[in-house]
Amino acid sequence: MTATVGRDGGAFTGATEAVLHLHRAANAVRQHVEQEVLRPRQLTWTGFVVLRTVWVARRIETRHVAEQAGISKATLTGVVDTLSGRGLMRRVGHPDDGRLVLLQLTRKGHRLIRELLPESQTAETFALSYLEPAQLALVTAALRGLVDHLEQSR
């Protein structure tokens, strides 16, 4: 495997360099969407991801939201407190197990996510417009394959 020399003289493998660029690219897209779409509505990226996850599921257990959003249950608690305080989401008791909590959007939350989704898609499209359609398809397939590979190795 070839290695690239970093600023400090240490060697980076091709995989390490790819992971560094993957991380930087993901953060750049995230920051772009936050700046253009979410910040004007006083939303964080994590809050948006939680809203979108709950919207897709309609009603979902908190543990599944945390897992799908890639955050801890403790972080989710704070995010849900904030979103609930703004009237965007509510906690509902599980009909079959009183120990579990479900999340669902309020009408206000539904209205907000319906406004945000087209705007976030426009910002995401702009962020990735650097790529030709064939390149975008290749990147998408590669990233999907990477996730599948890592999920299968668990």
C-alpha atoms as a PDB file:
ATOM      1  CA  MET A   1       0.000   0.000   0.000  1.00  0.00           C
ATOM      2  CA  THR A   2       1.366   3.423  -0.874  1.00  0.00           C
ATOM      3  CA  ALA A   3       1.778   6.018   1.827  1.00  0.00           C
ATOM      4  CA  THR A   4       1.527   9.783   1.739  1.00  0.00           C
ATOM      5  CA  VAL A   5       3.668  11.833   4.078  1.00  0.00           C
ATOM      6  CA  GLY A   6       1.734  14.159   6.356  1.00  0.00           C
ATOM      7  CA  ARG A   7       2.850  17.608   7.504  1.00  0.00           C
ATOM      8  CA  ASP A   8       4.458  16.146  10.625  1.00  0.00           C
ATOM      9  CA  GLY A   9       6.467  13.660   8.560  1.00  0.00           C
ATOM     10  CA  GLY A  10       4.229  10.722   9.525  1.00  0.00           C
ATOM     11  CA  ALA A  11       3.011   8.402   6.813  1.00  0.00           C
ATOM     12  CA  PHE A  12      -0.654   8.160   5.839  1.00  0.00           C
ATOM     13  CA  THR A  13      -1.900   5.054   4.101  1.00  0.00           C
ATOM     14  CA  GLY A  14      -4.338   5.459   1.248  1.00  0.00           C
ATOM     15  CA  ALA A  15      -7.126   4.309   3.578  1.00  0.00           C
ATOM     16  CA  THR A  16      -6.189   6.858   6.238  1.00  0.00           C
ATOM     17  CA  GLU A  17      -6.074   9.647   3.701  1.00  0.00           C
ATOM     18  CA  ALA A  18      -9.455   8.583   2.308  1.00  0.00           C
ATOM     19  CA  VAL A  19     -10.984   8.551   5.811  1.00  0.00           C
ATOM     20  CA  LEU A  20      -9.565  12.016   6.531  1.00  0.00           C
ATOM     21  CA  HIS A  21     -11.107  13.379   3.319  1.00  0.00           C
ATOM     22  CA  LEU A  22     -14.374  11.550   3.956  1.00  0.00           C
ATOM     23  CA  HIS A  23     -14.596  13.170   7.396  1.00  0.00           C
ATOM     24  CA  ARG A  24     -13.733  16.631   6.051  1.00  0.00           C
ATOM     25  CA  ALA A  25     -16.226  16.296   3.198  1.00  0.00           C
ATOM     26  CA  ALA A  26     -19.028  15.155   5.505  1.00  0.00           C
ATOM     27  CA  ASN A  27     -18.329  18.057   7.862  1.00  0.00           C
ATOM     28  CA  ALA A  28     -18.232  20.541   4.978  1.00  0.00           C
ATOM     29  CA  VAL A  29     -21.632  19.393   3.675  1.00  0.00           C
ATOM     30  CA  ARG A  30     -23.056  19.412   7.199  1.00  0.00           C
ATOM     31  CA  GLN A  31     -21.785  22.949   7.831  1.00  0.00           C
ATOM     32  CA  HIS A  32     -23.187  24.139   4.512  1.00  0.00           C
ATOM     33  CA  VAL A  33     -26.664  22.758   5.280  1.00  0.00           C
ATOM     34  CA  GLU A  34     -26.538  24.141   8.825  1.00  0.00           C
ATOM     35  CA  GLN A  35     -25.522  27.592   7.589  1.00  0.00           C
ATOM     36  CA  GLU A  36     -27.972  27.813   4.700  1.00  0.00           C
ATOM     37  CA  VAL A  37     -31.020  26.016   6.082  1.00  0.00           C
ATOM     38  CA  LEU A  38     -30.928  25.154   9.763  1.00  0.00           C
ATOM     39  CA  ARG A  39     -29.299  28.072  11.570  1.00  0.00           C
ATOM     40  CA  PRO A  40     -31.939  30.603  10.403  1.00  0.00           C
ATOM     41  CA  ARG A  41     -34.489  28.389  12.189  1.00  0.00           C
ATOM     42  CA  GLN A  42     -32.342  27.887  15.298  1.00  0.00           C
ATOM     43  CA  LEU A  43     -31.852  24.189  14.559  1.00  0.00           C
ATOM     44  CA  THR A  44     -28.735  22.083  14.857  1.00  0.00           C
ATOM     45  CA  TRP A  45     -27.767  19.317  12.479  1.00  0.00           C
ATOM     46  CA  THR A  46     -28.509  16.750  15.191  1.00  0.00           C
ATOM     47  CA  GLY A  47     -31.924  18.290  15.858  1.00  0.00           C
ATOM     48  CA  PHE A  48     -32.691  18.134  12.137  1.00  0.00           C
ATOM     49  CA  VAL A  49     -31.584  14.499  11.903  1.00  0.00           C
ATOM     50  CA  VAL A  50     -33.795  13.599  14.875  1.00  0.00           C
ATOM     51  CA  LEU A  51     -36.775  15.469  13.387  1.00  0.00           C
ATOM     52  CA  ARG A  52     -36.291  13.758  10.036  1.00  0.00           C
ATOM     53  CA  THR A  53     -35.899  10.316  11.628  1.00  0.00           C
ATOM     54  CA  VAL A  54     -39.098  10.698  13.638  1.00  0.00           C
ATOM     55  CA  TRP A  55     -40.951  12.158  10.642  1.00  0.00           C
ATOM     56  CA  VAL A  56     -40.048   9.161   8.459  1.00  0.00           C
ATOM     57  CA  ALA A  57     -41.117   6.665  11.144  1.00  0.00           C
ATOM     58  CA  ARG A  58     -44.180   8.667  12.276  1.00  0.00           C
ATOM     59  CA  ARG A  59     -43.867   7.169  15.784  1.00  0.00           C
ATOM     60  CA  ILE A  60     -40.652   5.524  16.962  1.00  0.00           C
ATOM     61  CA  GLU A  61     -38.958   4.328  20.144  1.00  0.00           C
ATOM     62  CA  THR A  62     -36.247   6.609  21.477  1.00  0.00           C
ATOM     63  CA  ARG A  63     -33.589   3.887  21.330  1.00  0.00           C
ATOM     64  CA  HIS A  64     -34.211   3.444  17.599  1.00  0.00           C
ATOM     65  CA  VAL A  65     -33.990   7.200  16.990  1.00  0.00           C
ATOM     66  CA  ALA A  66     -30.641   7.366  18.793  1.00  0.00           C
ATOM     67  CA  GLU A  67     -29.338   4.416  16.803  1.00  0.00           C
ATOM     68  CA  GLN A  68     -30.496   5.748  13.425  1.00  0.00           C
ATOM     69  CA  ALA A  69     -29.235   9.252  14.180  1.00  0.00           C
ATOM     70  CA  GLY A  70     -25.862   7.900  15.338  1.00  0.00           C
ATOM     71  CA  ILE A  71     -26.046   9.578  18.747  1.00  0.00           C
ATOM     72  CA  SER A  72     -26.124   8.415  22.338  1.00  0.00           C
ATOM     73  CA  LYS A  73     -29.375   8.104  24.264  1.00  0.00           C
ATOM     74  CA  ALA A  74     -28.146  10.858  26.591  1.00  0.00           C
ATOM     75  CA  THR A  75     -27.595  13.213  23.654  1.00  0.00           C
ATOM     76  CA  LEU A  76     -31.004  12.294  22.289  1.00  0.00           C
ATOM     77  CA  THR A  77     -32.617  13.218  25.612  1.00  0.00           C
ATOM     78  CA  GLY A  78     -31.224  16.753  25.394  1.00  0.00           C
ATOM     79  CA  VAL A  79     -32.197  17.132  21.744  1.00  0.00           C
ATOM     80  CA  VAL A  80     -35.737  15.885  22.397  1.00  0.00           C
ATOM     81  CA  ASP A  81     -36.034  18.219  25.408  1.00  0.00           C
ATOM     82  CA  THR A  82     -35.127  21.141  23.149  1.00  0.00           C
ATOM     83  CA  LEU A  83     -37.422  20.079  20.292  1.00  0.00           C
ATOM     84  CA  SER A  84     -40.289  19.363  22.689  1.00  0.00           C
ATOM     85  CA  GLY A  85     -39.770  22.719  24.378  1.00  0.00           C
ATOM     86  CA  ARG A  86     -40.198  24.362  20.983  1.00  0.00           C
ATOM     87  CA  GLY A  87     -43.427  22.434  20.396  1.00  0.00           C
ATOM     88  CA  LEU A  88     -41.991  20.358  17.534  1.00  0.00           C
ATOM     89  CA  MET A  89     -42.051  16.881  19.086  1.00  0.00           C
ATOM     90  CA  ARG A  90     -43.693  14.990  21.908  1.00  0.00           C
ATOM     91  CA  ARG A  91     -42.998  11.921  23.970  1.00  0.00           C
ATOM     92  CA  VAL A  92     -45.742   9.298  24.037  1.00  0.00           C
ATOM     93  CA  GLY A  93     -45.969   6.216  26.209  1.00  0.00           C
ATOM     94  CA  HIS A  94     -45.577   2.887  24.463  1.00  0.00           C
ATOM     95  CA  PRO A  95     -48.974   1.143  24.207  1.00  0.00           C
ATOM     96  CA  ASP A  96     -47.559  -2.305  25.054  1.00  0.00           C
ATOM     97  CA  ASP A  97     -44.657  -1.528  27.390  1.00  0.00           C
ATOM     98  CA  GLY A  98     -44.915   1.301  29.905  1.00  0.00           C
ATOM     99  CA  ARG A  99     -41.127   1.404  30.293  1.00  0.00           C
ATOM    100  CA  LEU A 100     -40.624   2.525  26.691  1.00  0.00           C
ATOM    101  CA  VAL A 101     -41.110   5.977  25.206  1.00  0.00           C
ATOM    102  CA  LEU A 102     -42.114   6.782  21.654  1.00  0.00           C
ATOM    103  CA  LEU A 103     -41.464  10.034  19.830  1.00  0.00           C
ATOM    104  CA  GLN A 104     -43.731  11.711  17.315  1.00  0.00           C
ATOM    105  CA  LEU A 105     -43.866  15.109  15.675  1.00  0.00           C
ATOM    106  CA  THR A 106     -46.475  17.693  16.539  1.00  0.00           C
ATOM    107  CA  ARG A 107     -48.339  19.558  13.787  1.00  0.00           C
ATOM    108  CA  LYS A 108     -45.801  22.346  14.171  1.00  0.00           C
ATOM    109  CA  GLY A 109     -42.996  19.788  13.764  1.00  0.00           C
ATOM    110  CA  HIS A 110     -44.624  18.370  10.632  1.00  0.00           C
ATOM    111  CA  ARG A 111     -44.932  21.850   9.125  1.00  0.00           C
ATOM    112  CA  LEU A 112     -41.289  22.625   9.884  1.00  0.00           C
ATOM    113  CA  ILE A 113     -39.910  19.398   8.431  1.00  0.00           C
ATOM    114  CA  ARG A 114     -42.007  19.855   5.274  1.00  0.00           C
ATOM    115  CA  GLU A 115     -40.411  23.301   4.881  1.00  0.00           C
ATOM    116  CA  LEU A 116     -36.908  22.080   5.701  1.00  0.00           C
ATOM    117  CA  LEU A 117     -36.708  19.021   3.469  1.00  0.00           C
ATOM    118  CA  PRO A 118     -36.838  20.791   0.085  1.00  0.00           C
ATOM    119  CA  GLU A 119     -34.445  23.471   1.338  1.00  0.00           C
ATOM    120  CA  SER A 120     -31.997  20.913   2.738  1.00  0.00           C
ATOM    121  CA  GLN A 121     -32.179  18.923  -0.497  1.00  0.00           C
ATOM    122  CA  THR A 122     -31.369  22.087  -2.459  1.00  0.00           C
ATOM    123  CA  ALA A 123     -28.379  22.786  -0.188  1.00  0.00           C
ATOM    124  CA  GLU A 124     -27.208  19.169  -0.463  1.00  0.00           C
ATOM    125  CA  THR A 125     -27.559  19.279  -4.247  1.00  0.00           C
ATOM    126  CA  PHE A 126     -25.491  22.454  -4.382  1.00  0.00           C
ATOM    127  CA  ALA A 127     -22.837  20.937  -2.112  1.00  0.00           C
ATOM    128  CA  LEU A 128     -22.488  17.914  -4.381  1.00  0.00           C
ATOM    129  CA  SER A 129     -22.938  19.764  -7.691  1.00  0.00           C
ATOM    130  CA  TYR A 130     -19.160  19.670  -8.010  1.00  0.00           C
ATOM    131  CA  LEU A 131     -19.581  16.034  -9.083  1.00  0.00           C
ATOM    132  CA  GLU A 132     -20.808  14.928 -12.489  1.00  0.00           C
ATOM    133  CA  PRO A 133     -23.869  12.615 -12.304  1.00  0.00           C
ATOM    134  CA  ALA A 134     -21.754   9.525 -13.034  1.00  0.00           C
ATOM    135  CA  GLN A 135     -19.274  10.517 -10.306  1.00  0.00           C
ATOM    136  CA  LEU A 136     -22.103  11.101  -7.846  1.00  0.00           C
ATOM    137  CA  ALA A 137     -23.531   7.660  -8.595  1.00  0.00           C
ATOM    138  CA  LEU A 138     -20.091   6.109  -8.093  1.00  0.00           C
ATOM    139  CA  VAL A 139     -19.517   7.939  -4.787  1.00  0.00           C
ATOM    140  CA  THR A 140     -22.999   6.989  -3.568  1.00  0.00           C
ATOM    141  CA  ALA A 141     -22.454   3.323  -4.420  1.00  0.00           C
ATOM    142  CA  ALA A 142     -19.011   3.323  -2.786  1.00  0.00           C
ATOM    143  CA  LEU A 143     -20.311   4.902   0.422  1.00  0.00           C
ATOM    144  CA  ARG A 144     -23.292   2.555   0.556  1.00  0.00           C
ATOM    145  CA  GLY A 145     -20.909  -0.387   0.094  1.00  0.00           C
ATOM    146  CA  LEU A 146     -18.639   0.934   2.845  1.00  0.00           C
ATOM    147  CA  VAL A 147     -21.534   1.157   5.294  1.00  0.00           C
ATOM    148  CA  ASP A 148     -22.768  -2.325   4.356  1.00  0.00           C
ATOM    149  CA  HIS A 149     -19.251  -3.748   4.781  1.00  0.00           C
ATOM    150  CA  LEU A 150     -18.859  -2.243   8.244  1.00  0.00           C
ATOM    151  CA  GLU A 151     -22.365  -3.223   9.375  1.00  0.00           C
ATOM    152  CA  GLN A 152     -21.769  -6.823   8.282  1.00  0.00           C
ATOM    153  CA  SER A 153     -18.512  -6.967  10.244  1.00  0.00           C
ATOM    154  CA  ARG A 154     -20.274  -6.219  13.554  1.00  0.00           C
END
